[in-house]
Amino acid sequence: MNTSGFIVAVRRGWTHTRRPVPSSMVQHCLQSTQPVAAARLPYRVKVSAGKRYAWCACGHSKKQPFCDGAHKSKAPSISPLRFTPEKDRTVMLCACKQTKGAPYCDGSHFKVIFQDLVKSMKGVFK
């Protein structure tokens, strides 16, 4: 089992055993219930009035900031957010997936960056 799968298993209260784990259980362990950050800074995107967009809410899409359907296998409980702009404009779409005003960036990435910095600094001073 890879490290990230083990971490998910531990968080769910499972214990690690030496017996082989059925592949269906491994797949279940690797699915996200929380979004993952696709990037630390928002995406600057030109959007067109009246066009429908699907913003990736899970963070697994390879076509960020838009959905490519990756959530179906990696995060089935997280659906994309569909939106239609009223006018042509350039917008900042959230990449950290922590915004309260989805799909638009609200500055939450600063908190995510700060948390990452604190985590890395704790390792230095241990």
N, C-alpha and C. Protein backbone atom coordinates (compact mmCIF):
# COMPACT_ATOMS: atom_id res chain seq x y z
N MET A 1 0.85 -1.18 0.00
CA MET A 1 0.00 0.00 0.00
C MET A 1 0.89 1.23 0.00
N ASN A 2 0.58 2.20 -0.83
CA ASN A 2 1.39 3.41 -0.86
C ASN A 2 1.14 4.26 0.38
N THR A 3 2.00 5.23 0.62
CA THR A 3 1.92 6.03 1.84
C THR A 3 0.62 6.80 1.93
N SER A 4 0.17 7.43 0.83
CA SER A 4 -1.06 8.22 0.91
C SER A 4 -2.26 7.33 1.20
N GLY A 5 -2.29 6.14 0.65
CA GLY A 5 -3.37 5.19 0.95
C GLY A 5 -3.36 4.79 2.41
N PHE A 6 -2.17 4.62 2.97
CA PHE A 6 -2.05 4.25 4.37
C PHE A 6 -2.54 5.38 5.26
N ILE A 7 -2.20 6.62 4.92
CA ILE A 7 -2.65 7.77 5.71
C ILE A 7 -4.17 7.85 5.71
N VAL A 8 -4.79 7.67 4.55
CA VAL A 8 -6.24 7.69 4.47
C VAL A 8 -6.82 6.58 5.33
N ALA A 9 -6.23 5.38 5.27
CA ALA A 9 -6.72 4.26 6.05
C ALA A 9 -6.62 4.55 7.55
N VAL A 10 -5.55 5.15 7.97
CA VAL A 10 -5.37 5.47 9.39
C VAL A 10 -6.40 6.50 9.83
N ARG A 11 -6.65 7.51 9.00
CA ARG A 11 -7.62 8.54 9.36
C ARG A 11 -9.02 7.96 9.50
N ARG A 12 -9.33 6.92 8.76
CA ARG A 12 -10.66 6.32 8.83
C ARG A 12 -10.75 5.31 9.97
N GLY A 13 -9.67 5.12 10.70
CA GLY A 13 -9.69 4.22 11.84
C GLY A 13 -9.38 2.77 11.50
N TRP A 14 -8.92 2.49 10.30
CA TRP A 14 -8.58 1.14 9.93
C TRP A 14 -7.21 0.79 10.48
N THR A 15 -6.95 -0.47 10.64
CA THR A 15 -5.63 -0.89 11.08
C THR A 15 -4.89 -1.54 9.92
N HIS A 16 -3.60 -1.44 9.94
CA HIS A 16 -2.78 -2.00 8.88
C HIS A 16 -2.54 -3.48 9.17
N THR A 17 -2.81 -4.34 8.21
CA THR A 17 -2.58 -5.77 8.37
C THR A 17 -1.63 -6.24 7.28
N ARG A 18 -1.09 -7.42 7.46
CA ARG A 18 -0.18 -7.98 6.46
C ARG A 18 -0.91 -8.83 5.44
N ARG A 19 -2.21 -9.06 5.67
CA ARG A 19 -2.99 -9.85 4.71
C ARG A 19 -3.21 -9.04 3.44
N PRO A 20 -3.32 -9.70 2.29
CA PRO A 20 -3.61 -8.96 1.05
C PRO A 20 -4.96 -8.24 1.17
N VAL A 21 -5.01 -7.05 0.62
CA VAL A 21 -6.22 -6.24 0.67
C VAL A 21 -6.92 -6.34 -0.68
N PRO A 22 -8.22 -6.64 -0.69
CA PRO A 22 -8.94 -6.73 -1.97
C PRO A 22 -8.82 -5.43 -2.75
N SER A 23 -8.72 -5.54 -4.06
CA SER A 23 -8.54 -4.35 -4.90
C SER A 23 -9.70 -3.38 -4.76
N SER A 24 -10.91 -3.87 -4.51
CA SER A 24 -12.05 -2.96 -4.35
C SER A 24 -11.87 -2.08 -3.12
N MET A 25 -11.26 -2.62 -2.06
CA MET A 25 -11.02 -1.84 -0.86
C MET A 25 -9.92 -0.82 -1.10
N VAL A 26 -8.88 -1.18 -1.82
CA VAL A 26 -7.80 -0.25 -2.12
C VAL A 26 -8.34 0.92 -2.92
N GLN A 27 -9.16 0.64 -3.92
CA GLN A 27 -9.75 1.71 -4.72
C GLN A 27 -10.56 2.64 -3.82
N HIS A 28 -11.33 2.07 -2.90
CA HIS A 28 -12.12 2.89 -2.00
C HIS A 28 -11.23 3.77 -1.13
N CYS A 29 -10.10 3.25 -0.69
CA CYS A 29 -9.18 3.99 0.16
C CYS A 29 -8.58 5.19 -0.59
N LEU A 30 -8.40 5.06 -1.88
CA LEU A 30 -7.74 6.09 -2.65
C LEU A 30 -8.68 7.20 -3.11
N GLN A 31 -9.98 7.07 -2.84
CA GLN A 31 -10.93 8.10 -3.23
C GLN A 31 -10.93 9.22 -2.20
N SER A 32 -11.04 10.45 -2.69
CA SER A 32 -11.06 11.62 -1.81
C SER A 32 -12.47 11.97 -1.39
N THR A 33 -12.61 12.40 -0.17
CA THR A 33 -13.88 12.96 0.29
C THR A 33 -13.72 14.46 0.50
N GLN A 34 -12.49 14.94 0.46
CA GLN A 34 -12.18 16.36 0.58
C GLN A 34 -11.44 16.80 -0.68
N PRO A 35 -11.66 18.03 -1.13
CA PRO A 35 -10.94 18.49 -2.31
C PRO A 35 -9.44 18.61 -2.05
N VAL A 36 -8.66 18.45 -3.09
CA VAL A 36 -7.22 18.64 -3.00
C VAL A 36 -6.86 19.89 -3.80
N ALA A 37 -5.85 20.60 -3.35
CA ALA A 37 -5.43 21.82 -4.04
C ALA A 37 -4.80 21.46 -5.37
N ALA A 38 -5.27 22.06 -6.43
CA ALA A 38 -4.69 21.84 -7.76
C ALA A 38 -3.46 22.73 -7.93
N ALA A 39 -3.48 23.89 -7.28
CA ALA A 39 -2.38 24.84 -7.31
C ALA A 39 -2.55 25.78 -6.12
N ARG A 40 -1.52 26.53 -5.82
CA ARG A 40 -1.59 27.45 -4.68
C ARG A 40 -2.13 28.83 -5.06
N LEU A 41 -2.03 29.18 -6.32
CA LEU A 41 -2.50 30.48 -6.79
C LEU A 41 -3.67 30.29 -7.75
N PRO A 42 -4.58 31.27 -7.84
CA PRO A 42 -5.75 31.12 -8.71
C PRO A 42 -5.39 31.15 -10.19
N TYR A 43 -6.32 30.67 -11.00
CA TYR A 43 -6.15 30.68 -12.46
C TYR A 43 -6.84 31.92 -13.02
N ARG A 44 -6.13 32.66 -13.86
CA ARG A 44 -6.71 33.81 -14.55
C ARG A 44 -7.27 33.29 -15.87
N VAL A 45 -8.58 33.43 -16.06
CA VAL A 45 -9.26 32.83 -17.20
C VAL A 45 -10.22 33.83 -17.84
N LYS A 46 -10.24 33.86 -19.18
CA LYS A 46 -11.23 34.65 -19.90
C LYS A 46 -12.47 33.78 -20.10
N VAL A 47 -13.61 34.28 -19.67
CA VAL A 47 -14.86 33.55 -19.84
C VAL A 47 -15.79 34.34 -20.76
N SER A 48 -16.66 33.61 -21.44
CA SER A 48 -17.58 34.22 -22.40
C SER A 48 -19.00 34.23 -21.85
N ALA A 49 -19.72 35.31 -22.11
CA ALA A 49 -21.10 35.44 -21.66
C ALA A 49 -21.96 34.34 -22.28
N GLY A 50 -22.81 33.74 -21.43
CA GLY A 50 -23.74 32.73 -21.91
C GLY A 50 -23.17 31.34 -22.09
N LYS A 51 -21.87 31.18 -22.01
CA LYS A 51 -21.25 29.86 -22.17
C LYS A 51 -21.26 29.15 -20.82
N ARG A 52 -21.60 27.86 -20.85
CA ARG A 52 -21.62 27.07 -19.60
C ARG A 52 -20.23 26.50 -19.33
N TYR A 53 -19.79 26.62 -18.08
CA TYR A 53 -18.49 26.11 -17.64
C TYR A 53 -18.71 25.16 -16.46
N ALA A 54 -17.81 24.21 -16.30
CA ALA A 54 -17.84 23.31 -15.16
C ALA A 54 -16.50 23.45 -14.44
N TRP A 55 -16.51 24.12 -13.30
CA TRP A 55 -15.30 24.34 -12.49
C TRP A 55 -15.01 23.10 -11.67
N CYS A 56 -13.78 22.63 -11.72
CA CYS A 56 -13.37 21.46 -10.96
C CYS A 56 -13.37 21.80 -9.48
N ALA A 57 -14.18 21.11 -8.70
CA ALA A 57 -14.27 21.35 -7.26
C ALA A 57 -13.43 20.35 -6.47
N CYS A 58 -13.02 19.25 -7.10
CA CYS A 58 -12.28 18.21 -6.37
C CYS A 58 -10.77 18.40 -6.41
N GLY A 59 -10.26 19.04 -7.47
CA GLY A 59 -8.83 19.27 -7.61
C GLY A 59 -8.09 18.21 -8.38
N HIS A 60 -8.77 17.18 -8.86
CA HIS A 60 -8.11 16.08 -9.55
C HIS A 60 -8.06 16.23 -11.08
N SER A 61 -8.78 17.18 -11.63
CA SER A 61 -8.83 17.36 -13.08
C SER A 61 -7.46 17.72 -13.65
N LYS A 62 -7.17 17.19 -14.82
CA LYS A 62 -5.93 17.54 -15.53
C LYS A 62 -6.13 18.78 -16.40
N LYS A 63 -7.37 19.28 -16.47
CA LYS A 63 -7.68 20.46 -17.28
C LYS A 63 -8.06 21.64 -16.39
N GLN A 64 -7.35 21.80 -15.29
CA GLN A 64 -7.65 22.86 -14.32
C GLN A 64 -7.74 24.23 -14.99
N PRO A 65 -8.63 25.07 -14.57
CA PRO A 65 -9.53 24.94 -13.44
C PRO A 65 -10.86 24.29 -13.77
N PHE A 66 -10.94 23.69 -14.95
CA PHE A 66 -12.20 23.10 -15.39
C PHE A 66 -12.21 21.58 -15.20
N CYS A 67 -13.39 21.03 -15.13
CA CYS A 67 -13.59 19.61 -14.87
C CYS A 67 -13.32 18.77 -16.11
N ASP A 68 -12.63 17.64 -15.91
CA ASP A 68 -12.44 16.67 -17.00
C ASP A 68 -13.07 15.32 -16.66
N GLY A 69 -13.82 15.27 -15.56
CA GLY A 69 -14.49 14.04 -15.15
C GLY A 69 -13.69 13.17 -14.20
N ALA A 70 -12.51 13.62 -13.77
CA ALA A 70 -11.66 12.82 -12.88
C ALA A 70 -12.33 12.54 -11.54
N HIS A 71 -13.27 13.39 -11.14
CA HIS A 71 -13.95 13.19 -9.86
C HIS A 71 -14.75 11.89 -9.82
N LYS A 72 -15.16 11.40 -10.97
CA LYS A 72 -15.97 10.18 -11.02
C LYS A 72 -15.25 8.99 -10.41
N SER A 73 -13.93 8.93 -10.57
CA SER A 73 -13.18 7.82 -10.00
C SER A 73 -12.38 8.21 -8.76
N LYS A 74 -11.94 9.46 -8.70
CA LYS A 74 -11.06 9.86 -7.59
C LYS A 74 -11.79 10.54 -6.44
N ALA A 75 -12.92 11.15 -6.70
CA ALA A 75 -13.68 11.85 -5.65
C ALA A 75 -15.16 11.88 -6.02
N PRO A 76 -15.82 10.72 -6.04
CA PRO A 76 -17.21 10.66 -6.50
C PRO A 76 -18.19 11.48 -5.68
N SER A 77 -17.83 11.83 -4.45
CA SER A 77 -18.75 12.62 -3.63
C SER A 77 -18.61 14.12 -3.88
N ILE A 78 -17.67 14.53 -4.75
CA ILE A 78 -17.46 15.94 -5.04
C ILE A 78 -17.78 16.20 -6.51
N SER A 79 -18.82 16.97 -6.76
CA SER A 79 -19.24 17.27 -8.14
C SER A 79 -18.70 18.62 -8.57
N PRO A 80 -18.50 18.82 -9.88
CA PRO A 80 -18.06 20.12 -10.37
C PRO A 80 -19.15 21.16 -10.17
N LEU A 81 -18.75 22.41 -10.14
CA LEU A 81 -19.71 23.51 -10.03
C LEU A 81 -19.92 24.08 -11.42
N ARG A 82 -21.14 24.05 -11.88
CA ARG A 82 -21.45 24.59 -13.20
C ARG A 82 -21.89 26.04 -13.06
N PHE A 83 -21.37 26.89 -13.96
CA PHE A 83 -21.74 28.30 -13.93
C PHE A 83 -21.74 28.87 -15.33
N THR A 84 -22.52 29.95 -15.50
CA THR A 84 -22.64 30.65 -16.78
C THR A 84 -22.45 32.14 -16.53
N PRO A 85 -21.35 32.72 -17.01
CA PRO A 85 -21.12 34.16 -16.80
C PRO A 85 -22.14 35.00 -17.57
N GLU A 86 -22.47 36.15 -17.01
CA GLU A 86 -23.43 37.05 -17.65
C GLU A 86 -22.77 37.94 -18.70
N LYS A 87 -21.44 38.13 -18.58
CA LYS A 87 -20.76 38.96 -19.57
C LYS A 87 -19.34 38.44 -19.80
N ASP A 88 -18.77 38.82 -20.94
CA ASP A 88 -17.38 38.45 -21.24
C ASP A 88 -16.48 39.19 -20.26
N ARG A 89 -15.55 38.47 -19.65
CA ARG A 89 -14.61 39.11 -18.74
C ARG A 89 -13.50 38.14 -18.36
N THR A 90 -12.50 38.67 -17.71
CA THR A 90 -11.41 37.86 -17.18
C THR A 90 -11.65 37.71 -15.69
N VAL A 91 -11.61 36.47 -15.21
CA VAL A 91 -11.88 36.18 -13.81
C VAL A 91 -10.73 35.37 -13.21
N MET A 92 -10.69 35.37 -11.89
CA MET A 92 -9.72 34.55 -11.16
C MET A 92 -10.50 33.38 -10.57
N LEU A 93 -10.22 32.17 -11.08
CA LEU A 93 -10.90 30.98 -10.59
C LEU A 93 -10.03 30.27 -9.56
N CYS A 94 -10.65 29.85 -8.50
CA CYS A 94 -9.94 29.23 -7.38
C CYS A 94 -9.22 27.95 -7.80
N ALA A 95 -7.98 27.79 -7.32
CA ALA A 95 -7.20 26.58 -7.58
C ALA A 95 -6.94 25.81 -6.29
N CYS A 96 -7.01 26.49 -5.15
CA CYS A 96 -6.75 25.81 -3.87
C CYS A 96 -7.97 25.04 -3.39
N LYS A 97 -9.13 25.30 -3.97
CA LYS A 97 -10.40 24.62 -3.69
C LYS A 97 -10.92 24.91 -2.28
N GLN A 98 -10.48 26.01 -1.66
CA GLN A 98 -10.92 26.37 -0.32
C GLN A 98 -11.80 27.63 -0.31
N THR A 99 -12.06 28.20 -1.46
CA THR A 99 -12.84 29.44 -1.54
C THR A 99 -14.26 29.26 -1.01
N LYS A 100 -14.77 30.32 -0.43
CA LYS A 100 -16.17 30.31 0.03
C LYS A 100 -17.09 30.85 -1.06
N GLY A 101 -16.52 31.42 -2.11
CA GLY A 101 -17.30 32.00 -3.21
C GLY A 101 -17.07 31.26 -4.52
N ALA A 102 -17.09 29.94 -4.47
CA ALA A 102 -16.80 29.12 -5.64
C ALA A 102 -17.64 29.56 -6.83
N PRO A 103 -17.07 29.58 -8.01
CA PRO A 103 -15.74 29.13 -8.41
C PRO A 103 -14.67 30.21 -8.32
N TYR A 104 -15.06 31.39 -7.85
CA TYR A 104 -14.15 32.53 -7.88
C TYR A 104 -13.22 32.56 -6.66
N CYS A 105 -12.01 33.03 -6.87
CA CYS A 105 -11.03 33.13 -5.80
C CYS A 105 -11.47 34.20 -4.80
N ASP A 106 -11.34 33.88 -3.51
CA ASP A 106 -11.65 34.86 -2.46
C ASP A 106 -10.43 35.14 -1.58
N GLY A 107 -9.26 34.67 -2.01
CA GLY A 107 -8.04 34.89 -1.24
C GLY A 107 -7.72 33.78 -0.26
N SER A 108 -8.51 32.73 -0.23
CA SER A 108 -8.28 31.61 0.69
C SER A 108 -6.91 30.97 0.50
N HIS A 109 -6.34 31.11 -0.70
CA HIS A 109 -5.05 30.49 -0.96
C HIS A 109 -3.95 31.05 -0.07
N PHE A 110 -4.11 32.28 0.43
CA PHE A 110 -3.11 32.84 1.35
C PHE A 110 -3.07 32.03 2.64
N LYS A 111 -4.24 31.62 3.11
CA LYS A 111 -4.32 30.78 4.32
C LYS A 111 -3.67 29.42 4.05
N VAL A 112 -3.94 28.84 2.88
CA VAL A 112 -3.36 27.54 2.52
C VAL A 112 -1.84 27.65 2.44
N ILE A 113 -1.34 28.70 1.81
CA ILE A 113 0.11 28.91 1.70
C ILE A 113 0.73 29.07 3.08
N PHE A 114 0.07 29.84 3.95
CA PHE A 114 0.57 30.06 5.31
C PHE A 114 0.61 28.74 6.08
N GLN A 115 -0.44 27.92 5.96
CA GLN A 115 -0.47 26.62 6.64
C GLN A 115 0.66 25.72 6.16
N ASP A 116 0.92 25.74 4.85
CA ASP A 116 2.02 24.94 4.30
C ASP A 116 3.36 25.42 4.85
N LEU A 117 3.51 26.73 4.95
CA LEU A 117 4.74 27.30 5.47
C LEU A 117 4.95 26.91 6.93
N VAL A 118 3.90 26.97 7.73
CA VAL A 118 3.99 26.59 9.14
C VAL A 118 4.37 25.11 9.27
N LYS A 119 3.75 24.26 8.46
CA LYS A 119 4.08 22.82 8.49
C LYS A 119 5.54 22.59 8.15
N SER A 120 6.05 23.27 7.14
CA SER A 120 7.44 23.07 6.74
C SER A 120 8.40 23.61 7.79
N MET A 121 8.03 24.69 8.47
CA MET A 121 8.89 25.26 9.49
C MET A 121 8.93 24.38 10.74
N LYS A 122 7.84 23.70 11.07
CA LYS A 122 7.82 22.80 12.22
C LYS A 122 8.84 21.70 12.04
N GLY A 123 9.01 21.23 10.81
CA GLY A 123 9.99 20.20 10.52
C GLY A 123 11.42 20.68 10.72
N VAL A 124 11.67 21.94 10.49
CA VAL A 124 13.01 22.52 10.62
C VAL A 124 13.41 22.63 12.09
N PHE A 125 12.46 22.97 12.95
CA PHE A 125 12.77 23.23 14.35
C PHE A 125 12.55 22.04 15.29
N LYS A 126 12.28 20.86 14.76
CA LYS A 126 12.11 19.68 15.61
C LYS A 126 13.42 19.15 16.09
